[in-house]
PDB file of N, CA and C in Angstrom:
ATOM      1  N   SER A   1      26.449  17.145   9.934  1.00  0.00           N
ATOM      2  CA  SER A   1      25.770  16.509   8.823  1.00  0.00           C
ATOM      3  C   SER A   1      24.257  16.644   9.000  1.00  0.00           C
ATOM      4  N   THR A   2      23.533  16.361   7.940  1.00  0.00           N
ATOM      5  CA  THR A   2      22.068  16.426   7.986  1.00  0.00           C
ATOM      6  C   THR A   2      21.520  15.426   8.990  1.00  0.00           C
ATOM      7  N   ARG A   3      22.099  14.231   9.018  1.00  0.00           N
ATOM      8  CA  ARG A   3      21.644  13.197   9.952  1.00  0.00           C
ATOM      9  C   ARG A   3      21.829  13.659  11.397  1.00  0.00           C
ATOM     10  N   GLU A   4      22.987  14.255  11.706  1.00  0.00           N
ATOM     11  CA  GLU A   4      23.245  14.715  13.071  1.00  0.00           C
ATOM     12  C   GLU A   4      22.281  15.829  13.464  1.00  0.00           C
ATOM     13  N   ARG A   5      21.980  16.749  12.533  1.00  0.00           N
ATOM     14  CA  ARG A   5      21.030  17.827  12.824  1.00  0.00           C
ATOM     15  C   ARG A   5      19.638  17.266  13.068  1.00  0.00           C
ATOM     16  N   THR A   6      19.246  16.243  12.294  1.00  0.00           N
ATOM     17  CA  THR A   6      17.935  15.621  12.470  1.00  0.00           C
ATOM     18  C   THR A   6      17.838  14.956  13.831  1.00  0.00           C
ATOM     19  N   ILE A   7      18.870  14.224  14.229  1.00  0.00           N
ATOM     20  CA  ILE A   7      18.888  13.553  15.529  1.00  0.00           C
ATOM     21  C   ILE A   7      18.846  14.587  16.652  1.00  0.00           C
ATOM     22  N   ALA A   8      19.640  15.647  16.538  1.00  0.00           N
ATOM     23  CA  ALA A   8      19.661  16.688  17.572  1.00  0.00           C
ATOM     24  C   ALA A   8      18.300  17.362  17.685  1.00  0.00           C
ATOM     25  N   GLY A   9      17.661  17.635  16.556  1.00  0.00           N
ATOM     26  CA  GLY A   9      16.336  18.261  16.565  1.00  0.00           C
ATOM     27  C   GLY A   9      15.290  17.360  17.198  1.00  0.00           C
ATOM     28  N   ARG A  10      15.372  16.081  16.924  1.00  0.00           N
ATOM     29  CA  ARG A  10      14.431  15.135  17.503  1.00  0.00           C
ATOM     30  C   ARG A  10      14.613  15.063  19.017  1.00  0.00           C
ATOM     31  N   ARG A  11      15.872  15.055  19.465  1.00  0.00           N
ATOM     32  CA  ARG A  11      16.124  15.006  20.912  1.00  0.00           C
ATOM     33  C   ARG A  11      15.621  16.277  21.587  1.00  0.00           C
ATOM     34  N   ALA A  12      15.789  17.429  20.933  1.00  0.00           N
ATOM     35  CA  ALA A  12      15.337  18.692  21.509  1.00  0.00           C
ATOM     36  C   ALA A  12      13.813  18.702  21.663  1.00  0.00           C
ATOM     37  N   ARG A  13      13.107  18.012  20.764  1.00  0.00           N
ATOM     38  CA  ARG A  13      11.641  17.949  20.851  1.00  0.00           C
ATOM     39  C   ARG A  13      11.178  16.848  21.797  1.00  0.00           C
ATOM     40  N   GLY A  14      12.113  16.107  22.382  1.00  0.00           N
ATOM     41  CA  GLY A  14      11.769  15.050  23.317  1.00  0.00           C
ATOM     42  C   GLY A  14      11.374  13.746  22.659  1.00  0.00           C
ATOM     43  N   ALA A  15      11.647  13.603  21.376  1.00  0.00           N
ATOM     44  CA  ALA A  15      11.282  12.377  20.670  1.00  0.00           C
ATOM     45  C   ALA A  15      12.185  11.236  21.092  1.00  0.00           C
ATOM     46  N   GLN A  16      11.602  10.064  21.166  1.00  0.00           N
ATOM     47  CA  GLN A  16      12.375   8.864  21.470  1.00  0.00           C
ATOM     48  C   GLN A  16      13.148   8.459  20.215  1.00  0.00           C
ATOM     49  N   PRO A  17      14.359   7.936  20.371  1.00  0.00           N
ATOM     50  CA  PRO A  17      15.107   7.495  19.195  1.00  0.00           C
ATOM     51  C   PRO A  17      14.433   6.298  18.537  1.00  0.00           C
ATOM     52  N   ALA A  18      14.612   6.180  17.246  1.00  0.00           N
ATOM     53  CA  ALA A  18      14.084   5.024  16.529  1.00  0.00           C
ATOM     54  C   ALA A  18      14.812   3.780  16.995  1.00  0.00           C
ATOM     55  N   VAL A  19      14.076   2.711  17.149  1.00  0.00           N
ATOM     56  CA  VAL A  19      14.636   1.451  17.609  1.00  0.00           C
ATOM     57  C   VAL A  19      14.633   0.487  16.436  1.00  0.00           C
ATOM     58  N   ARG A  20      15.754  -0.172  16.211  1.00  0.00           N
ATOM     59  CA  ARG A  20      15.857  -1.143  15.116  1.00  0.00           C
ATOM     60  C   ARG A  20      15.737  -2.546  15.705  1.00  0.00           C
ATOM     61  N   LEU A  21      14.796  -3.322  15.141  1.00  0.00           N
ATOM     62  CA  LEU A  21      14.623  -4.693  15.595  1.00  0.00           C
ATOM     63  C   LEU A  21      15.764  -5.542  15.060  1.00  0.00           C
ATOM     64  N   ALA A  22      16.348  -6.356  15.909  1.00  0.00           N
ATOM     65  CA  ALA A  22      17.525  -7.133  15.526  1.00  0.00           C
ATOM     66  C   ALA A  22      17.233  -8.145  14.426  1.00  0.00           C
ATOM     67  N   ARG A  23      16.116  -8.841  14.508  1.00  0.00           N
ATOM     68  CA  ARG A  23      15.844  -9.914  13.536  1.00  0.00           C
ATOM     69  C   ARG A  23      15.417  -9.382  12.177  1.00  0.00           C
ATOM     70  N   SER A  24      14.531  -8.374  12.154  1.00  0.00           N
ATOM     71  CA  SER A  24      13.986  -7.908  10.882  1.00  0.00           C
ATOM     72  C   SER A  24      14.733  -6.709  10.321  1.00  0.00           C
ATOM     73  N   GLY A  25      15.389  -5.937  11.178  1.00  0.00           N
ATOM     74  CA  GLY A  25      16.059  -4.729  10.722  1.00  0.00           C
ATOM     75  C   GLY A  25      15.117  -3.560  10.554  1.00  0.00           C
ATOM     76  N   LEU A  26      13.831  -3.722  10.914  1.00  0.00           N
ATOM     77  CA  LEU A  26      12.868  -2.641  10.780  1.00  0.00           C
ATOM     78  C   LEU A  26      13.126  -1.576  11.829  1.00  0.00           C
ATOM     79  N   ALA A  27      12.922  -0.328  11.456  1.00  0.00           N
ATOM     80  CA  ALA A  27      13.108   0.766  12.401  1.00  0.00           C
ATOM     81  C   ALA A  27      11.830   1.575  12.473  1.00  0.00           C
ATOM     82  N   GLY A  28      11.579   2.161  13.600  1.00  0.00           N
ATOM     83  CA  GLY A  28      10.397   2.999  13.738  1.00  0.00           C
ATOM     84  C   GLY A  28      10.355   3.626  15.111  1.00  0.00           C
ATOM     85  N   GLU A  29       9.369   4.467  15.316  1.00  0.00           N
ATOM     86  CA  GLU A  29       9.219   5.152  16.587  1.00  0.00           C
ATOM     87  C   GLU A  29       8.757   4.174  17.665  1.00  0.00           C
ATOM     88  N   ASN A  30       9.483   4.096  18.749  1.00  0.00           N
ATOM     89  CA  ASN A  30       9.071   3.344  19.930  1.00  0.00           C
ATOM     90  C   ASN A  30       8.602   1.929  19.620  1.00  0.00           C
ATOM     91  N   LEU A  31       9.297   1.227  18.775  1.00  0.00           N
ATOM     92  CA  LEU A  31       8.879  -0.123  18.433  1.00  0.00           C
ATOM     93  C   LEU A  31       8.856  -1.043  19.640  1.00  0.00           C
ATOM     94  N   THR A  32       9.632  -0.703  20.655  1.00  0.00           N
ATOM     95  CA  THR A  32       9.644  -1.554  21.842  1.00  0.00           C
ATOM     96  C   THR A  32       8.311  -1.485  22.568  1.00  0.00           C
ATOM     97  N   ASN A  33       7.518  -0.438  22.361  1.00  0.00           N
ATOM     98  CA  ASN A  33       6.221  -0.309  23.013  1.00  0.00           C
ATOM     99  C   ASN A  33       5.107  -0.960  22.204  1.00  0.00           C
ATOM    100  N   ARG A  34       5.403  -1.450  21.037  1.00  0.00           N
ATOM    101  CA  ARG A  34       4.385  -2.050  20.172  1.00  0.00           C
ATOM    102  C   ARG A  34       4.427  -3.566  20.263  1.00  0.00           C
ATOM    103  N   GLN A  35       3.312  -4.163  19.918  1.00  0.00           N
ATOM    104  CA  GLN A  35       3.222  -5.618  19.886  1.00  0.00           C
ATOM    105  C   GLN A  35       4.100  -6.138  18.754  1.00  0.00           C
ATOM    106  N   SER A  36       4.762  -7.245  18.985  1.00  0.00           N
ATOM    107  CA  SER A  36       5.610  -7.838  17.961  1.00  0.00           C
ATOM    108  C   SER A  36       4.774  -8.238  16.762  1.00  0.00           C
ATOM    109  N   MET A  37       5.281  -7.989  15.562  1.00  0.00           N
ATOM    110  CA  MET A  37       4.574  -8.356  14.353  1.00  0.00           C
ATOM    111  C   MET A  37       4.974  -9.749  13.886  1.00  0.00           C
ATOM    112  N   ARG A  38       5.787 -10.439  14.622  1.00  0.00           N
ATOM    113  CA  ARG A  38       6.172 -11.802  14.269  1.00  0.00           C
ATOM    114  C   ARG A  38       5.153 -12.757  14.868  1.00  0.00           C
ATOM    115  N   CYS A  39       3.962 -12.718  14.297  1.00  0.00           N
ATOM    116  CA  CYS A  39       2.894 -13.555  14.788  1.00  0.00           C
ATOM    117  C   CYS A  39       1.932 -13.845  13.644  1.00  0.00           C
ATOM    118  N   GLN A  40       1.063 -14.802  13.846  1.00  0.00           N
ATOM    119  CA  GLN A  40       0.046 -15.102  12.852  1.00  0.00           C
ATOM    120  C   GLN A  40      -1.069 -14.080  13.003  1.00  0.00           C
ATOM    121  N   VAL A  41      -1.551 -13.535  11.896  1.00  0.00           N
ATOM    122  CA  VAL A  41      -2.602 -12.532  11.927  1.00  0.00           C
ATOM    123  C   VAL A  41      -3.942 -13.229  11.744  1.00  0.00           C
ATOM    124  N   SER A  42      -4.847 -12.953  12.647  1.00  0.00           N
ATOM    125  CA  SER A  42      -6.172 -13.560  12.585  1.00  0.00           C
ATOM    126  C   SER A  42      -6.982 -12.936  11.444  1.00  0.00           C
ATOM    127  N   PRO A  43      -7.755 -13.738  10.696  1.00  0.00           N
ATOM    128  CA  PRO A  43      -8.592 -13.188   9.627  1.00  0.00           C
ATOM    129  C   PRO A  43      -9.894 -12.581  10.138  1.00  0.00           C
ATOM    130  N   ASP A  44     -10.143 -12.640  11.441  1.00  0.00           N
ATOM    131  CA  ASP A  44     -11.351 -12.078  12.027  1.00  0.00           C
ATOM    132  C   ASP A  44     -11.373 -10.565  11.820  1.00  0.00           C
ATOM    133  N   GLU A  45     -12.519 -10.031  11.380  1.00  0.00           N
ATOM    134  CA  GLU A  45     -12.618  -8.599  11.076  1.00  0.00           C
ATOM    135  C   GLU A  45     -12.278  -7.717  12.268  1.00  0.00           C
ATOM    136  N   THR A  46     -12.741  -8.110  13.450  1.00  0.00           N
ATOM    137  CA  THR A  46     -12.459  -7.312  14.654  1.00  0.00           C
ATOM    138  C   THR A  46     -10.968  -7.289  14.937  1.00  0.00           C
ATOM    139  N   ALA A  47     -10.320  -8.437  14.820  1.00  0.00           N
ATOM    140  CA  ALA A  47      -8.876  -8.516  15.060  1.00  0.00           C
ATOM    141  C   ALA A  47      -8.108  -7.701  14.022  1.00  0.00           C
ATOM    142  N   LEU A  48      -8.541  -7.760  12.761  1.00  0.00           N
ATOM    143  CA  LEU A  48      -7.882  -6.965  11.718  1.00  0.00           C
ATOM    144  C   LEU A  48      -8.002  -5.477  12.006  1.00  0.00           C
ATOM    145  N   GLN A  49      -9.173  -5.048  12.433  1.00  0.00           N
ATOM    146  CA  GLN A  49      -9.372  -3.632  12.719  1.00  0.00           C
ATOM    147  C   GLN A  49      -8.546  -3.195  13.916  1.00  0.00           C
ATOM    148  N   GLN A  50      -8.452  -4.042  14.943  1.00  0.00           N
ATOM    149  CA  GLN A  50      -7.626  -3.706  16.110  1.00  0.00           C
ATOM    150  C   GLN A  50      -6.159  -3.563  15.710  1.00  0.00           C
ATOM    151  N   LEU A  51      -5.690  -4.477  14.875  1.00  0.00           N
ATOM    152  CA  LEU A  51      -4.305  -4.396  14.409  1.00  0.00           C
ATOM    153  C   LEU A  51      -4.094  -3.131  13.578  1.00  0.00           C
ATOM    154  N   HIS A  52      -5.054  -2.792  12.730  1.00  0.00           N
ATOM    155  CA  HIS A  52      -4.975  -1.565  11.926  1.00  0.00           C
ATOM    156  C   HIS A  52      -4.937  -0.337  12.834  1.00  0.00           C
ATOM    157  N   ASP A  53      -5.770  -0.341  13.884  1.00  0.00           N
ATOM    158  CA  ASP A  53      -5.795   0.791  14.819  1.00  0.00           C
ATOM    159  C   ASP A  53      -4.473   0.928  15.557  1.00  0.00           C
ATOM    160  N   GLN A  54      -3.823  -0.197  15.840  1.00  0.00           N
ATOM    161  CA  GLN A  54      -2.537  -0.180  16.541  1.00  0.00           C
ATOM    162  C   GLN A  54      -1.407   0.295  15.645  1.00  0.00           C
ATOM    163  N   THR A  55      -1.364  -0.209  14.415  1.00  0.00           N
ATOM    164  CA  THR A  55      -0.209   0.058  13.556  1.00  0.00           C
ATOM    165  C   THR A  55      -0.431   1.206  12.592  1.00  0.00           C
ATOM    166  N   GLY A  56      -1.641   1.311  12.056  1.00  0.00           N
ATOM    167  CA  GLY A  56      -1.919   2.345  11.066  1.00  0.00           C
ATOM    168  C   GLY A  56      -1.549   1.949   9.650  1.00  0.00           C
ATOM    169  N   TRP A  57      -0.743   0.916   9.480  1.00  0.00           N
ATOM    170  CA  TRP A  57      -0.313   0.548   8.129  1.00  0.00           C
ATOM    171  C   TRP A  57      -0.805  -0.823   7.685  1.00  0.00           C
ATOM    172  N   THR A  58      -1.307  -1.621   8.592  1.00  0.00           N
ATOM    173  CA  THR A  58      -1.864  -2.912   8.181  1.00  0.00           C
ATOM    174  C   THR A  58      -3.286  -2.697   7.672  1.00  0.00           C
ATOM    175  N   PRO A  59      -3.771  -3.550   6.775  1.00  0.00           N
ATOM    176  CA  PRO A  59      -5.137  -3.390   6.275  1.00  0.00           C
ATOM    177  C   PRO A  59      -6.163  -3.563   7.382  1.00  0.00           C
ATOM    178  N   GLY A  60      -7.190  -2.755   7.352  1.00  0.00           N
ATOM    179  CA  GLY A  60      -8.285  -2.874   8.304  1.00  0.00           C
ATOM    180  C   GLY A  60      -9.397  -3.733   7.726  1.00  0.00           C
ATOM    181  N   ALA A  61     -10.458  -3.899   8.490  1.00  0.00           N
ATOM    182  CA  ALA A  61     -11.571  -4.757   8.080  1.00  0.00           C
ATOM    183  C   ALA A  61     -12.189  -4.294   6.762  1.00  0.00           C
ATOM    184  N   GLU A  62     -12.316  -2.994   6.563  1.00  0.00           N
ATOM    185  CA  GLU A  62     -12.951  -2.493   5.332  1.00  0.00           C
ATOM    186  C   GLU A  62     -12.074  -2.683   4.107  1.00  0.00           C
ATOM    187  N   HIS A  63     -10.773  -2.863   4.308  1.00  0.00           N
ATOM    188  CA  HIS A  63      -9.869  -3.103   3.181  1.00  0.00           C
ATOM    189  C   HIS A  63      -9.891  -4.565   2.745  1.00  0.00           C
ATOM    190  N   ILE A  64     -10.174  -5.454   3.670  1.00  0.00           N
ATOM    191  CA  ILE A  64     -10.126  -6.887   3.411  1.00  0.00           C
ATOM    192  C   ILE A  64     -11.450  -7.404   2.867  1.00  0.00           C
ATOM    193  N   ARG A  65     -12.551  -6.956   3.447  1.00  0.00           N
ATOM    194  CA  ARG A  65     -13.872  -7.440   3.054  1.00  0.00           C
ATOM    195  C   ARG A  65     -14.733  -6.263   2.595  1.00  0.00           C
ATOM    196  N   PRO A  66     -14.613  -5.902   1.309  1.00  0.00           N
ATOM    197  CA  PRO A  66     -15.375  -4.749   0.815  1.00  0.00           C
ATOM    198  C   PRO A  66     -16.876  -5.043   0.757  1.00  0.00           C
ATOM    199  N   ASP A  67     -17.659  -3.970   0.821  1.00  0.00           N
ATOM    200  CA  ASP A  67     -19.110  -4.147   0.737  1.00  0.00           C
ATOM    201  C   ASP A  67     -19.520  -4.459  -0.703  1.00  0.00           C
ATOM    202  N   ALA A  68     -20.797  -4.751  -0.916  1.00  0.00           N
ATOM    203  CA  ALA A  68     -21.301  -5.177  -2.226  1.00  0.00           C
ATOM    204  C   ALA A  68     -21.089  -4.102  -3.294  1.00  0.00           C
ATOM    205  N   ALA A  69     -21.271  -2.836  -2.926  1.00  0.00           N
ATOM    206  CA  ALA A  69     -21.095  -1.752  -3.902  1.00  0.00           C
ATOM    207  C   ALA A  69     -19.642  -1.656  -4.367  1.00  0.00           C
ATOM    208  N   SER A  70     -18.702  -1.813  -3.446  1.00  0.00           N
ATOM    209  CA  SER A  70     -17.282  -1.764  -3.808  1.00  0.00           C
ATOM    210  C   SER A  70     -16.905  -2.948  -4.700  1.00  0.00           C
ATOM    211  N   ARG A  71     -17.468  -4.122  -4.396  1.00  0.00           N
ATOM    212  CA  ARG A  71     -17.203  -5.295  -5.228  1.00  0.00           C
ATOM    213  C   ARG A  71     -17.728  -5.103  -6.641  1.00  0.00           C
ATOM    214  N   ALA A  72     -18.952  -4.566  -6.756  1.00  0.00           N
ATOM    215  CA  ALA A  72     -19.550  -4.347  -8.076  1.00  0.00           C
ATOM    216  C   ALA A  72     -18.717  -3.349  -8.875  1.00  0.00           C
ATOM    217  N   GLN A  73     -18.235  -2.300  -8.213  1.00  0.00           N
ATOM    218  CA  GLN A  73     -17.401  -1.299  -8.883  1.00  0.00           C
ATOM    219  C   GLN A  73     -16.094  -1.927  -9.362  1.00  0.00           C
ATOM    220  N   LYS A  74     -15.510  -2.790  -8.558  1.00  0.00           N
ATOM    221  CA  LYS A  74     -14.266  -3.458  -8.927  1.00  0.00           C
ATOM    222  C   LYS A  74     -14.485  -4.399 -10.109  1.00  0.00           C
ATOM    223  N   GLU A  75     -15.577  -5.155 -10.090  1.00  0.00           N
ATOM    224  CA  GLU A  75     -15.885  -6.066 -11.193  1.00  0.00           C
ATOM    225  C   GLU A  75     -16.115  -5.296 -12.495  1.00  0.00           C
ATOM    226  N   LEU A  76     -16.798  -4.146 -12.407  1.00  0.00           N
ATOM    227  CA  LEU A  76     -17.017  -3.316 -13.589  1.00  0.00           C
ATOM    228  C   LEU A  76     -15.687  -2.794 -14.128  1.00  0.00           C
ATOM    229  N   LEU A  77     -14.813  -2.363 -13.249  1.00  0.00           N
ATOM    230  CA  LEU A  77     -13.502  -1.881 -13.671  1.00  0.00           C
ATOM    231  C   LEU A  77     -12.736  -2.970 -14.415  1.00  0.00           C
ATOM    232  N   PHE A  78     -12.693  -4.173 -13.833  1.00  0.00           N
ATOM    233  CA  PHE A  78     -11.963  -5.265 -14.487  1.00  0.00           C
ATOM    234  C   PHE A  78     -12.599  -5.658 -15.814  1.00  0.00           C
ATOM    235  N   SER A  79     -13.912  -5.607 -15.886  1.00  0.00           N
ATOM    236  CA  SER A  79     -14.597  -5.920 -17.143  1.00  0.00           C
ATOM    237  C   SER A  79     -14.233  -4.898 -18.213  1.00  0.00           C
ATOM    238  N   ASN A  80     -14.231  -3.626 -17.841  1.00  0.00           N
ATOM    239  CA  ASN A  80     -13.863  -2.565 -18.783  1.00  0.00           C
ATOM    240  C   ASN A  80     -12.400  -2.676 -19.194  1.00  0.00           C
ATOM    241  N   LEU A  81     -11.536  -3.029 -18.260  1.00  0.00           N
ATOM    242  CA  LEU A  81     -10.119  -3.194 -18.587  1.00  0.00           C
ATOM    243  C   LEU A  81      -9.953  -4.266 -19.649  1.00  0.00           C
ATOM    244  N   ASP A  82     -10.697  -5.344 -19.493  1.00  0.00           N
ATOM    245  CA  ASP A  82     -10.607  -6.460 -20.432  1.00  0.00           C
ATOM    246  C   ASP A  82     -11.029  -6.070 -21.843  1.00  0.00           C
ATOM    247  N   THR A  83     -12.045  -5.218 -21.945  1.00  0.00           N
ATOM    248  CA  THR A  83     -12.547  -4.856 -23.278  1.00  0.00           C
ATOM    249  C   THR A  83     -11.828  -3.662 -23.889  1.00  0.00           C
ATOM    250  N   MET A  84     -11.263  -2.788 -23.061  1.00  0.00           N
ATOM    251  CA  MET A  84     -10.680  -1.549 -23.588  1.00  0.00           C
ATOM    252  C   MET A  84      -9.159  -1.545 -23.679  1.00  0.00           C
ATOM    253  N   TRP A  85      -8.492  -2.429 -22.927  1.00  0.00           N
ATOM    254  CA  TRP A  85      -7.032  -2.399 -22.859  1.00  0.00           C
ATOM    255  C   TRP A  85      -6.439  -3.716 -23.336  1.00  0.00           C
ATOM    256  N   ALA A  86      -5.287  -3.654 -23.947  1.00  0.00           N
ATOM    257  CA  ALA A  86      -4.603  -4.852 -24.435  1.00  0.00           C
ATOM    258  C   ALA A  86      -4.214  -5.763 -23.272  1.00  0.00           C
ATOM    259  N   SER A  87      -3.852  -5.176 -22.137  1.00  0.00           N
ATOM    260  CA  SER A  87      -3.500  -5.951 -20.946  1.00  0.00           C
ATOM    261  C   SER A  87      -3.673  -5.069 -19.719  1.00  0.00           C
ATOM    262  N   PRO A  88      -3.827  -5.670 -18.555  1.00  0.00           N
ATOM    263  CA  PRO A  88      -3.887  -4.861 -17.334  1.00  0.00           C
ATOM    264  C   PRO A  88      -2.603  -4.046 -17.133  1.00  0.00           C
ATOM    265  N   GLY A  89      -1.474  -4.589 -17.571  1.00  0.00           N
ATOM    266  CA  GLY A  89      -0.208  -3.861 -17.446  1.00  0.00           C
ATOM    267  C   GLY A  89      -0.205  -2.562 -18.238  1.00  0.00           C
ATOM    268  N   ASP A  90      -0.839  -2.554 -19.412  1.00  0.00           N
ATOM    269  CA  ASP A  90      -0.929  -1.324 -20.204  1.00  0.00           C
ATOM    270  C   ASP A  90      -1.724  -0.260 -19.456  1.00  0.00           C
ATOM    271  N   TRP A  91      -2.822  -0.681 -18.829  1.00  0.00           N
ATOM    272  CA  TRP A  91      -3.640   0.255 -18.061  1.00  0.00           C
ATOM    273  C   TRP A  91      -2.845   0.833 -16.892  1.00  0.00           C
ATOM    274  N   VAL A  92      -2.110  -0.021 -16.177  1.00  0.00           N
ATOM    275  CA  VAL A  92      -1.303   0.434 -15.040  1.00  0.00           C
ATOM    276  C   VAL A  92      -0.233   1.414 -15.509  1.00  0.00           C
ATOM    277  N   MET A  93       0.459   1.071 -16.589  1.00  0.00           N
ATOM    278  CA  MET A  93       1.510   1.961 -17.100  1.00  0.00           C
ATOM    279  C   MET A  93       0.943   3.334 -17.472  1.00  0.00           C
ATOM    280  N   HIS A  94      -0.258   3.347 -18.047  1.00  0.00           N
ATOM    281  CA  HIS A  94      -0.881   4.618 -18.437  1.00  0.00           C
ATOM    282  C   HIS A  94      -1.377   5.391 -17.211  1.00  0.00           C
ATOM    283  N   GLN A  95      -2.098   4.712 -16.304  1.00  0.00           N
ATOM    284  CA  GLN A  95      -2.683   5.386 -15.148  1.00  0.00           C
ATOM    285  C   GLN A  95      -1.651   5.829 -14.116  1.00  0.00           C
ATOM    286  N   VAL A  96      -0.678   4.975 -13.848  1.00  0.00           N
ATOM    287  CA  VAL A  96       0.289   5.266 -12.792  1.00  0.00           C
ATOM    288  C   VAL A  96       1.457   6.098 -13.301  1.00  0.00           C
ATOM    289  N   PHE A  97       1.963   5.754 -14.492  1.00  0.00           N
ATOM    290  CA  PHE A  97       3.177   6.397 -14.992  1.00  0.00           C
ATOM    291  C   PHE A  97       2.930   7.340 -16.168  1.00  0.00           C
ATOM    292  N   SER A  98       1.661   7.545 -16.543  1.00  0.00           N
ATOM    293  CA  SER A  98       1.288   8.447 -17.648  1.00  0.00           C
ATOM    294  C   SER A  98       1.985   8.078 -18.955  1.00  0.00           C
ATOM    295  N   SER A  99       2.192   6.799 -19.183  1.00  0.00           N
ATOM    296  CA  SER A  99       2.799   6.352 -20.434  1.00  0.00           C
ATOM    297  C   SER A  99       1.841   6.622 -21.593  1.00  0.00           C
ATOM    298  N   PRO A 100       2.365   7.088 -22.733  1.00  0.00           N
ATOM    299  CA  PRO A 100       1.492   7.339 -23.879  1.00  0.00           C
ATOM    300  C   PRO A 100       0.931   6.019 -24.428  1.00  0.00           C
ATOM    301  N   THR A 101      -0.269   6.097 -24.988  1.00  0.00           N
ATOM    302  CA  THR A 101      -0.917   4.905 -25.529  1.00  0.00           C
ATOM    303  C   THR A 101      -1.320   5.120 -26.974  1.00  0.00           C
ATOM    304  N   GLN A 102      -1.649   4.016 -27.611  1.00  0.00           N
ATOM    305  CA  GLN A 102      -2.177   4.068 -28.971  1.00  0.00           C
ATOM    306  C   GLN A 102      -3.219   2.964 -29.105  1.00  0.00           C
ATOM    307  N   ARG A 103      -4.088   3.092 -30.118  1.00  0.00           N
ATOM    308  CA  ARG A 103      -5.101   2.066 -30.357  1.00  0.00           C
ATOM    309  C   ARG A 103      -4.540   1.009 -31.296  1.00  0.00           C
ATOM    310  N   ARG A 104      -4.801  -0.236 -30.952  1.00  0.00           N
ATOM    311  CA  ARG A 104      -4.416  -1.330 -31.830  1.00  0.00           C
ATOM    312  C   ARG A 104      -5.518  -1.540 -32.869  1.00  0.00           C
ATOM    313  N   ALA A 105      -5.272  -2.438 -33.802  1.00  0.00           N
ATOM    314  CA  ALA A 105      -6.250  -2.739 -34.851  1.00  0.00           C
ATOM    315  C   ALA A 105      -7.565  -3.267 -34.275  1.00  0.00           C
ATOM    316  N   ASP A 106      -7.493  -3.952 -33.119  1.00  0.00           N
ATOM    317  CA  ASP A 106      -8.721  -4.483 -32.510  1.00  0.00           C
ATOM    318  C   ASP A 106      -9.447  -3.457 -31.645  1.00  0.00           C
ATOM    319  N   GLY A 107      -8.941  -2.221 -31.594  1.00  0.00           N
ATOM    320  CA  GLY A 107      -9.584  -1.146 -30.846  1.00  0.00           C
ATOM    321  C   GLY A 107      -9.122  -0.999 -29.413  1.00  0.00           C
ATOM    322  N   ARG A 108      -8.352  -1.941 -28.931  1.00  0.00           N
ATOM    323  CA  ARG A 108      -7.859  -1.853 -27.557  1.00  0.00           C
ATOM    324  C   ARG A 108      -6.652  -0.942 -27.469  1.00  0.00           C
ATOM    325  N   ARG A 109      -6.522  -0.277 -26.329  1.00  0.00           N
ATOM    326  CA  ARG A 109      -5.392   0.624 -26.115  1.00  0.00           C
ATOM    327  C   ARG A 109      -4.204  -0.159 -25.591  1.00  0.00           C
ATOM    328  N   CYS A 110      -3.019   0.286 -25.963  1.00  0.00           N
ATOM    329  CA  CYS A 110      -1.787  -0.306 -25.451  1.00  0.00           C
ATOM    330  C   CYS A 110      -0.737   0.798 -25.325  1.00  0.00           C
ATOM    331  N   VAL A 111       0.242   0.559 -24.500  1.00  0.00           N
ATOM    332  CA  VAL A 111       1.317   1.514 -24.282  1.00  0.00           C
ATOM    333  C   VAL A 111       2.205   1.542 -25.530  1.00  0.00           C
ATOM    334  N   VAL A 112       2.606   2.755 -25.916  1.00  0.00           N
ATOM    335  CA  VAL A 112       3.487   2.926 -27.062  1.00  0.00           C
ATOM    336  C   VAL A 112       4.881   2.447 -26.686  1.00  0.00           C
ATOM    337  N   GLU A 113       5.423   1.542 -27.450  1.00  0.00           N
ATOM    338  CA  GLU A 113       6.773   1.030 -27.205  1.00  0.00           C
ATOM    339  C   GLU A 113       7.795   2.107 -27.555  1.00  0.00           C
ATOM    340  N   ALA A 114       8.791   2.261 -26.704  1.00  0.00           N
ATOM    341  CA  ALA A 114       9.812   3.287 -26.934  1.00  0.00           C
ATOM    342  C   ALA A 114      10.828   2.847 -27.966  1.00  0.00           C
TER     343      ALA A 114
END
């Protein structure tokens, strides 16, 4: 089977088998060598960055506390969304899923209902 070929290939390359944690059911490479994620995460920027460096998937300091320029850009985006789109959901549907849009009588864009 495909699964057996994948496991055999991983063993041939010397990869450690994925370990599944009993409580969470999460699986990953060498989880036994990593710090347990069943803990309280400190909001300190240094601690967040260390955790990000360890895991690669948790938010780092720059993701949690953006600089002034990033904040201004975000505020401008939300302001434009409010004036140009019927709802934030319409914008998401168009940007993420390429849903077709149309203009309403008030000039705001909305997703075309199927």
